[in-house]
Amino acid sequence: METTMTSKGQIVIPSSLRRKFGLKEGVRIQLLDDGEQIVLKPITPQYVRKLRGILKGSKGMQALIEDRQMEKER
């Protein structure tokens, strides 16, 4: 599947993929750079529910809070 980027850096996600992954207007998309490719990861309510409890009992939550704080300060 291919798409073309506009001069503003925008791309269109084909409707078949939007339906498959439940993407609606306003859904936030996380962009990941793994060094060789760009990965688009939708942050849908289902994705957030799946992550619940993943940081429980670890220092990961503190790292996440600190990272969010640094982002706010920028």
PDB file of N, CA and C in Angstrom:
ATOM      1  N   MET A   1       0.846  -1.170   0.000  1.00  0.00           N
ATOM      2  CA  MET A   1       0.000   0.000   0.000  1.00  0.00           C
ATOM      3  C   MET A   1       0.894   1.235   0.000  1.00  0.00           C
ATOM      4  N   GLU A   2       0.564   2.215  -0.803  1.00  0.00           N
ATOM      5  CA  GLU A   2       1.346   3.444  -0.887  1.00  0.00           C
ATOM      6  C   GLU A   2       0.464   4.662  -0.721  1.00  0.00           C
ATOM      7  N   THR A   3       1.078   5.742  -0.298  1.00  0.00           N
ATOM      8  CA  THR A   3       0.418   7.035  -0.223  1.00  0.00           C
ATOM      9  C   THR A   3       1.465   8.089  -0.559  1.00  0.00           C
ATOM     10  N   THR A   4       1.022   9.304  -0.804  1.00  0.00           N
ATOM     11  CA  THR A   4       1.933  10.387  -1.158  1.00  0.00           C
ATOM     12  C   THR A   4       1.862  11.476  -0.105  1.00  0.00           C
ATOM     13  N   MET A   5       3.002  12.040   0.226  1.00  0.00           N
ATOM     14  CA  MET A   5       3.062  13.113   1.205  1.00  0.00           C
ATOM     15  C   MET A   5       2.861  14.454   0.511  1.00  0.00           C
ATOM     16  N   THR A   6       2.105  15.348   1.154  1.00  0.00           N
ATOM     17  CA  THR A   6       1.885  16.682   0.608  1.00  0.00           C
ATOM     18  C   THR A   6       3.067  17.584   0.949  1.00  0.00           C
ATOM     19  N   SER A   7       3.054  18.795   0.412  1.00  0.00           N
ATOM     20  CA  SER A   7       4.123  19.750   0.699  1.00  0.00           C
ATOM     21  C   SER A   7       4.154  20.145   2.175  1.00  0.00           C
ATOM     22  N   LYS A   8       3.044  19.956   2.875  1.00  0.00           N
ATOM     23  CA  LYS A   8       2.980  20.254   4.311  1.00  0.00           C
ATOM     24  C   LYS A   8       3.386  19.060   5.174  1.00  0.00           C
ATOM     25  N   GLY A   9       3.777  17.961   4.540  1.00  0.00           N
ATOM     26  CA  GLY A   9       4.186  16.776   5.286  1.00  0.00           C
ATOM     27  C   GLY A   9       3.027  15.891   5.703  1.00  0.00           C
ATOM     28  N   GLN A  10       1.852  16.106   5.135  1.00  0.00           N
ATOM     29  CA  GLN A  10       0.679  15.312   5.495  1.00  0.00           C
ATOM     30  C   GLN A  10       0.563  14.091   4.590  1.00  0.00           C
ATOM     31  N   ILE A  11       0.038  12.998   5.165  1.00  0.00           N
ATOM     32  CA  ILE A  11      -0.235  11.800   4.376  1.00  0.00           C
ATOM     33  C   ILE A  11      -1.677  11.376   4.630  1.00  0.00           C
ATOM     34  N   VAL A  12      -2.213  10.587   3.713  1.00  0.00           N
ATOM     35  CA  VAL A  12      -3.557  10.041   3.872  1.00  0.00           C
ATOM     36  C   VAL A  12      -3.419   8.566   4.204  1.00  0.00           C
ATOM     37  N   ILE A  13      -4.078   8.147   5.278  1.00  0.00           N
ATOM     38  CA  ILE A  13      -4.116   6.730   5.634  1.00  0.00           C
ATOM     39  C   ILE A  13      -5.334   6.150   4.921  1.00  0.00           C
ATOM     40  N   PRO A  14      -5.146   5.136   4.088  1.00  0.00           N
ATOM     41  CA  PRO A  14      -6.268   4.575   3.329  1.00  0.00           C
ATOM     42  C   PRO A  14      -7.424   4.148   4.234  1.00  0.00           C
ATOM     43  N   SER A  15      -8.635   4.286   3.710  1.00  0.00           N
ATOM     44  CA  SER A  15      -9.836   4.001   4.504  1.00  0.00           C
ATOM     45  C   SER A  15      -9.871   2.568   5.018  1.00  0.00           C
ATOM     46  N   SER A  16      -9.348   1.618   4.252  1.00  0.00           N
ATOM     47  CA  SER A  16      -9.357   0.221   4.712  1.00  0.00           C
ATOM     48  C   SER A  16      -8.536   0.069   5.998  1.00  0.00           C
ATOM     49  N   LEU A  17      -7.408   0.776   6.082  1.00  0.00           N
ATOM     50  CA  LEU A  17      -6.601   0.723   7.304  1.00  0.00           C
ATOM     51  C   LEU A  17      -7.259   1.497   8.442  1.00  0.00           C
ATOM     52  N   ARG A  18      -7.892   2.627   8.119  1.00  0.00           N
ATOM     53  CA  ARG A  18      -8.589   3.392   9.166  1.00  0.00           C
ATOM     54  C   ARG A  18      -9.693   2.551   9.782  1.00  0.00           C
ATOM     55  N   ARG A  19     -10.445   1.829   8.955  1.00  0.00           N
ATOM     56  CA  ARG A  19     -11.514   0.967   9.478  1.00  0.00           C
ATOM     57  C   ARG A  19     -10.929  -0.181  10.299  1.00  0.00           C
ATOM     58  N   LYS A  20      -9.889  -0.820   9.765  1.00  0.00           N
ATOM     59  CA  LYS A  20      -9.287  -1.976  10.438  1.00  0.00           C
ATOM     60  C   LYS A  20      -8.790  -1.625  11.831  1.00  0.00           C
ATOM     61  N   PHE A  21      -8.184  -0.439  11.981  1.00  0.00           N
ATOM     62  CA  PHE A  21      -7.601  -0.056  13.264  1.00  0.00           C
ATOM     63  C   PHE A  21      -8.480   0.904  14.065  1.00  0.00           C
ATOM     64  N   GLY A  22      -9.698   1.165  13.583  1.00  0.00           N
ATOM     65  CA  GLY A  22     -10.631   2.008  14.323  1.00  0.00           C
ATOM     66  C   GLY A  22     -10.190   3.453  14.443  1.00  0.00           C
ATOM     67  N   LEU A  23      -9.543   3.976  13.415  1.00  0.00           N
ATOM     68  CA  LEU A  23      -9.044   5.346  13.450  1.00  0.00           C
ATOM     69  C   LEU A  23     -10.150   6.318  13.066  1.00  0.00           C
ATOM     70  N   LYS A  24     -10.398   7.251  13.928  1.00  0.00           N
ATOM     71  CA  LYS A  24     -11.397   8.298  13.702  1.00  0.00           C
ATOM     72  C   LYS A  24     -10.699   9.642  13.715  1.00  0.00           C
ATOM     73  N   GLU A  25     -11.389  10.665  13.268  1.00  0.00           N
ATOM     74  CA  GLU A  25     -10.837  12.023  13.291  1.00  0.00           C
ATOM     75  C   GLU A  25     -10.418  12.387  14.717  1.00  0.00           C
ATOM     76  N   GLY A  26      -9.240  12.949  14.851  1.00  0.00           N
ATOM     77  CA  GLY A  26      -8.757  13.390  16.154  1.00  0.00           C
ATOM     78  C   GLY A  26      -7.922  12.363  16.899  1.00  0.00           C
ATOM     79  N   VAL A  27      -7.847  11.113  16.402  1.00  0.00           N
ATOM     80  CA  VAL A  27      -7.030  10.100  17.063  1.00  0.00           C
ATOM     81  C   VAL A  27      -5.567  10.509  16.959  1.00  0.00           C
ATOM     82  N   ARG A  28      -4.868  10.433  18.063  1.00  0.00           N
ATOM     83  CA  ARG A  28      -3.444  10.792  18.072  1.00  0.00           C
ATOM     84  C   ARG A  28      -2.644   9.608  17.541  1.00  0.00           C
ATOM     85  N   ILE A  29      -1.566   9.922  16.823  1.00  0.00           N
ATOM     86  CA  ILE A  29      -0.700   8.908  16.236  1.00  0.00           C
ATOM     87  C   ILE A  29       0.712   9.116  16.777  1.00  0.00           C
ATOM     88  N   GLN A  30       1.284   8.061  17.323  1.00  0.00           N
ATOM     89  CA  GLN A  30       2.660   8.117  17.807  1.00  0.00           C
ATOM     90  C   GLN A  30       3.571   7.714  16.652  1.00  0.00           C
ATOM     91  N   LEU A  31       4.632   8.501  16.416  1.00  0.00           N
ATOM     92  CA  LEU A  31       5.597   8.199  15.369  1.00  0.00           C
ATOM     93  C   LEU A  31       6.862   7.650  16.019  1.00  0.00           C
ATOM     94  N   LEU A  32       7.269   6.474  15.587  1.00  0.00           N
ATOM     95  CA  LEU A  32       8.449   5.835  16.138  1.00  0.00           C
ATOM     96  C   LEU A  32       9.502   5.718  15.043  1.00  0.00           C
ATOM     97  N   ASP A  33      10.734   6.052  15.362  1.00  0.00           N
ATOM     98  CA  ASP A  33      11.860   5.944  14.444  1.00  0.00           C
ATOM     99  C   ASP A  33      12.739   4.812  14.940  1.00  0.00           C
ATOM    100  N   ASP A  34      12.753   3.696  14.215  1.00  0.00           N
ATOM    101  CA  ASP A  34      13.582   2.577  14.659  1.00  0.00           C
ATOM    102  C   ASP A  34      14.928   2.542  13.949  1.00  0.00           C
ATOM    103  N   GLY A  35      15.294   3.657  13.318  1.00  0.00           N
ATOM    104  CA  GLY A  35      16.584   3.751  12.657  1.00  0.00           C
ATOM    105  C   GLY A  35      16.523   3.491  11.164  1.00  0.00           C
ATOM    106  N   GLU A  36      15.603   2.619  10.734  1.00  0.00           N
ATOM    107  CA  GLU A  36      15.486   2.303   9.319  1.00  0.00           C
ATOM    108  C   GLU A  36      14.097   2.556   8.760  1.00  0.00           C
ATOM    109  N   GLN A  37      13.131   2.738   9.631  1.00  0.00           N
ATOM    110  CA  GLN A  37      11.772   2.970   9.158  1.00  0.00           C
ATOM    111  C   GLN A  37      10.994   3.812  10.161  1.00  0.00           C
ATOM    112  N   ILE A  38       9.902   4.374   9.685  1.00  0.00           N
ATOM    113  CA  ILE A  38       9.000   5.146  10.543  1.00  0.00           C
ATOM    114  C   ILE A  38       7.789   4.258  10.816  1.00  0.00           C
ATOM    115  N   VAL A  39       7.439   4.123  12.074  1.00  0.00           N
ATOM    116  CA  VAL A  39       6.287   3.311  12.465  1.00  0.00           C
ATOM    117  C   VAL A  39       5.216   4.249  13.004  1.00  0.00           C
ATOM    118  N   LEU A  40       4.002   4.140  12.478  1.00  0.00           N
ATOM    119  CA  LEU A  40       2.863   4.932  12.952  1.00  0.00           C
ATOM    120  C   LEU A  40       2.069   4.053  13.906  1.00  0.00           C
ATOM    121  N   LYS A  41       1.874   4.515  15.131  1.00  0.00           N
ATOM    122  CA  LYS A  41       1.160   3.731  16.137  1.00  0.00           C
ATOM    123  C   LYS A  41      -0.008   4.559  16.660  1.00  0.00           C
ATOM    124  N   PRO A  42      -1.246   4.171  16.333  1.00  0.00           N
ATOM    125  CA  PRO A  42      -2.398   4.940  16.810  1.00  0.00           C
ATOM    126  C   PRO A  42      -2.568   4.804  18.316  1.00  0.00           C
ATOM    127  N   ILE A  43      -2.934   5.907  18.949  1.00  0.00           N
ATOM    128  CA  ILE A  43      -3.198   5.894  20.386  1.00  0.00           C
ATOM    129  C   ILE A  43      -4.717   5.961  20.544  1.00  0.00           C
ATOM    130  N   THR A  44      -5.354   4.803  20.410  1.00  0.00           N
ATOM    131  CA  THR A  44      -6.803   4.685  20.505  1.00  0.00           C
ATOM    132  C   THR A  44      -7.178   4.297  21.932  1.00  0.00           C
ATOM    133  N   PRO A  45      -8.452   4.431  22.293  1.00  0.00           N
ATOM    134  CA  PRO A  45      -8.878   3.989  23.630  1.00  0.00           C
ATOM    135  C   PRO A  45      -8.548   2.515  23.885  1.00  0.00           C
ATOM    136  N   GLN A  46      -8.663   1.675  22.850  1.00  0.00           N
ATOM    137  CA  GLN A  46      -8.350   0.255  23.000  1.00  0.00           C
ATOM    138  C   GLN A  46      -6.862   0.070  23.338  1.00  0.00           C
ATOM    139  N   TYR A  47      -6.002   0.835  22.679  1.00  0.00           N
ATOM    140  CA  TYR A  47      -4.564   0.765  22.927  1.00  0.00           C
ATOM    141  C   TYR A  47      -4.248   1.185  24.359  1.00  0.00           C
ATOM    142  N   VAL A  48      -4.883   2.256  24.814  1.00  0.00           N
ATOM    143  CA  VAL A  48      -4.652   2.745  26.174  1.00  0.00           C
ATOM    144  C   VAL A  48      -5.116   1.712  27.196  1.00  0.00           C
ATOM    145  N   ARG A  49      -6.293   1.093  26.969  1.00  0.00           N
ATOM    146  CA  ARG A  49      -6.786   0.061  27.886  1.00  0.00           C
ATOM    147  C   ARG A  49      -5.825  -1.124  27.959  1.00  0.00           C
ATOM    148  N   LYS A  50      -5.239  -1.473  26.820  1.00  0.00           N
ATOM    149  CA  LYS A  50      -4.304  -2.589  26.770  1.00  0.00           C
ATOM    150  C   LYS A  50      -3.051  -2.311  27.607  1.00  0.00           C
ATOM    151  N   LEU A  51      -2.680  -1.039  27.730  1.00  0.00           N
ATOM    152  CA  LEU A  51      -1.481  -0.672  28.471  1.00  0.00           C
ATOM    153  C   LEU A  51      -1.692  -0.532  29.972  1.00  0.00           C
ATOM    154  N   ARG A  52      -2.941  -0.516  30.415  1.00  0.00           N
ATOM    155  CA  ARG A  52      -3.208  -0.332  31.841  1.00  0.00           C
ATOM    156  C   ARG A  52      -2.494  -1.392  32.675  1.00  0.00           C
ATOM    157  N   GLY A  53      -1.812  -0.920  33.702  1.00  0.00           N
ATOM    158  CA  GLY A  53      -1.150  -1.815  34.633  1.00  0.00           C
ATOM    159  C   GLY A  53       0.231  -2.272  34.204  1.00  0.00           C
ATOM    160  N   ILE A  54       0.643  -1.920  33.002  1.00  0.00           N
ATOM    161  CA  ILE A  54       1.930  -2.394  32.488  1.00  0.00           C
ATOM    162  C   ILE A  54       3.108  -1.850  33.297  1.00  0.00           C
ATOM    163  N   LEU A  55       2.963  -0.665  33.882  1.00  0.00           N
ATOM    164  CA  LEU A  55       4.052  -0.070  34.651  1.00  0.00           C
ATOM    165  C   LEU A  55       3.901  -0.274  36.156  1.00  0.00           C
ATOM    166  N   LYS A  56       2.873  -0.992  36.554  1.00  0.00           N
ATOM    167  CA  LYS A  56       2.603  -1.202  37.969  1.00  0.00           C
ATOM    168  C   LYS A  56       3.779  -1.891  38.649  1.00  0.00           C
ATOM    169  N   GLY A  57       4.213  -1.325  39.763  1.00  0.00           N
ATOM    170  CA  GLY A  57       5.284  -1.926  40.540  1.00  0.00           C
ATOM    171  C   GLY A  57       6.668  -1.746  39.946  1.00  0.00           C
ATOM    172  N   SER A  58       6.781  -0.886  38.951  1.00  0.00           N
ATOM    173  CA  SER A  58       8.107  -0.674  38.365  1.00  0.00           C
ATOM    174  C   SER A  58       8.471   0.798  38.450  1.00  0.00           C
ATOM    175  N   LYS A  59       9.693   1.105  38.122  1.00  0.00           N
ATOM    176  CA  LYS A  59      10.123   2.496  38.110  1.00  0.00           C
ATOM    177  C   LYS A  59       9.774   3.160  36.790  1.00  0.00           C
ATOM    178  N   GLY A  60       9.128   2.431  35.909  1.00  0.00           N
ATOM    179  CA  GLY A  60       8.741   2.962  34.610  1.00  0.00           C
ATOM    180  C   GLY A  60       7.774   4.119  34.714  1.00  0.00           C
ATOM    181  N   MET A  61       6.876   4.062  35.687  1.00  0.00           N
ATOM    182  CA  MET A  61       5.892   5.134  35.850  1.00  0.00           C
ATOM    183  C   MET A  61       6.588   6.433  36.220  1.00  0.00           C
ATOM    184  N   GLN A  62       7.559   6.371  37.107  1.00  0.00           N
ATOM    185  CA  GLN A  62       8.294   7.573  37.490  1.00  0.00           C
ATOM    186  C   GLN A  62       9.041   8.143  36.289  1.00  0.00           C
ATOM    187  N   ALA A  63       9.630   7.277  35.481  1.00  0.00           N
ATOM    188  CA  ALA A  63      10.341   7.730  34.276  1.00  0.00           C
ATOM    189  C   ALA A  63       9.370   8.400  33.312  1.00  0.00           C
ATOM    190  N   LEU A  64       8.179   7.842  33.181  1.00  0.00           N
ATOM    191  CA  LEU A  64       7.163   8.424  32.302  1.00  0.00           C
ATOM    192  C   LEU A  64       6.744   9.805  32.799  1.00  0.00           C
ATOM    193  N   ILE A  65       6.526   9.941  34.095  1.00  0.00           N
ATOM    194  CA  ILE A  65       6.136  11.232  34.674  1.00  0.00           C
ATOM    195  C   ILE A  65       7.229  12.270  34.447  1.00  0.00           C
ATOM    196  N   GLU A  66       8.475  11.872  34.660  1.00  0.00           N
ATOM    197  CA  GLU A  66       9.594  12.793  34.444  1.00  0.00           C
ATOM    198  C   GLU A  66       9.704  13.199  32.977  1.00  0.00           C
ATOM    199  N   ASP A  67       9.483  12.253  32.078  1.00  0.00           N
ATOM    200  CA  ASP A  67       9.535  12.548  30.645  1.00  0.00           C
ATOM    201  C   ASP A  67       8.439  13.526  30.250  1.00  0.00           C
ATOM    202  N   ARG A  68       7.241  13.317  30.766  1.00  0.00           N
ATOM    203  CA  ARG A  68       6.124  14.239  30.467  1.00  0.00           C
ATOM    204  C   ARG A  68       6.418  15.642  31.008  1.00  0.00           C
ATOM    205  N   GLN A  69       7.028  15.717  32.185  1.00  0.00           N
ATOM    206  CA  GLN A  69       7.364  17.001  32.780  1.00  0.00           C
ATOM    207  C   GLN A  69       8.381  17.743  31.908  1.00  0.00           C
ATOM    208  N   MET A  70       9.383  17.036  31.421  1.00  0.00           N
ATOM    209  CA  MET A  70      10.389  17.643  30.547  1.00  0.00           C
ATOM    210  C   MET A  70       9.747  18.152  29.262  1.00  0.00           C
ATOM    211  N   GLU A  71       8.784  17.401  28.723  1.00  0.00           N
ATOM    212  CA  GLU A  71       8.080  17.834  27.504  1.00  0.00           C
ATOM    213  C   GLU A  71       7.303  19.123  27.747  1.00  0.00           C
ATOM    214  N   LYS A  72       6.667  19.227  28.906  1.00  0.00           N
ATOM    215  CA  LYS A  72       5.911  20.436  29.249  1.00  0.00           C
ATOM    216  C   LYS A  72       6.820  21.664  29.315  1.00  0.00           C
ATOM    217  N   GLU A  73       8.013  21.460  29.877  1.00  0.00           N
ATOM    218  CA  GLU A  73       8.947  22.569  30.068  1.00  0.00           C
ATOM    219  C   GLU A  73       9.507  23.097  28.754  1.00  0.00           C
ATOM    220  N   ARG A  74       9.499  22.274  27.707  1.00  0.00           N
ATOM    221  CA  ARG A  74      10.003  22.710  26.407  1.00  0.00           C
ATOM    222  C   ARG A  74       9.052  23.628  25.804  1.00  0.00           C
TER     223      ARG A  74
END
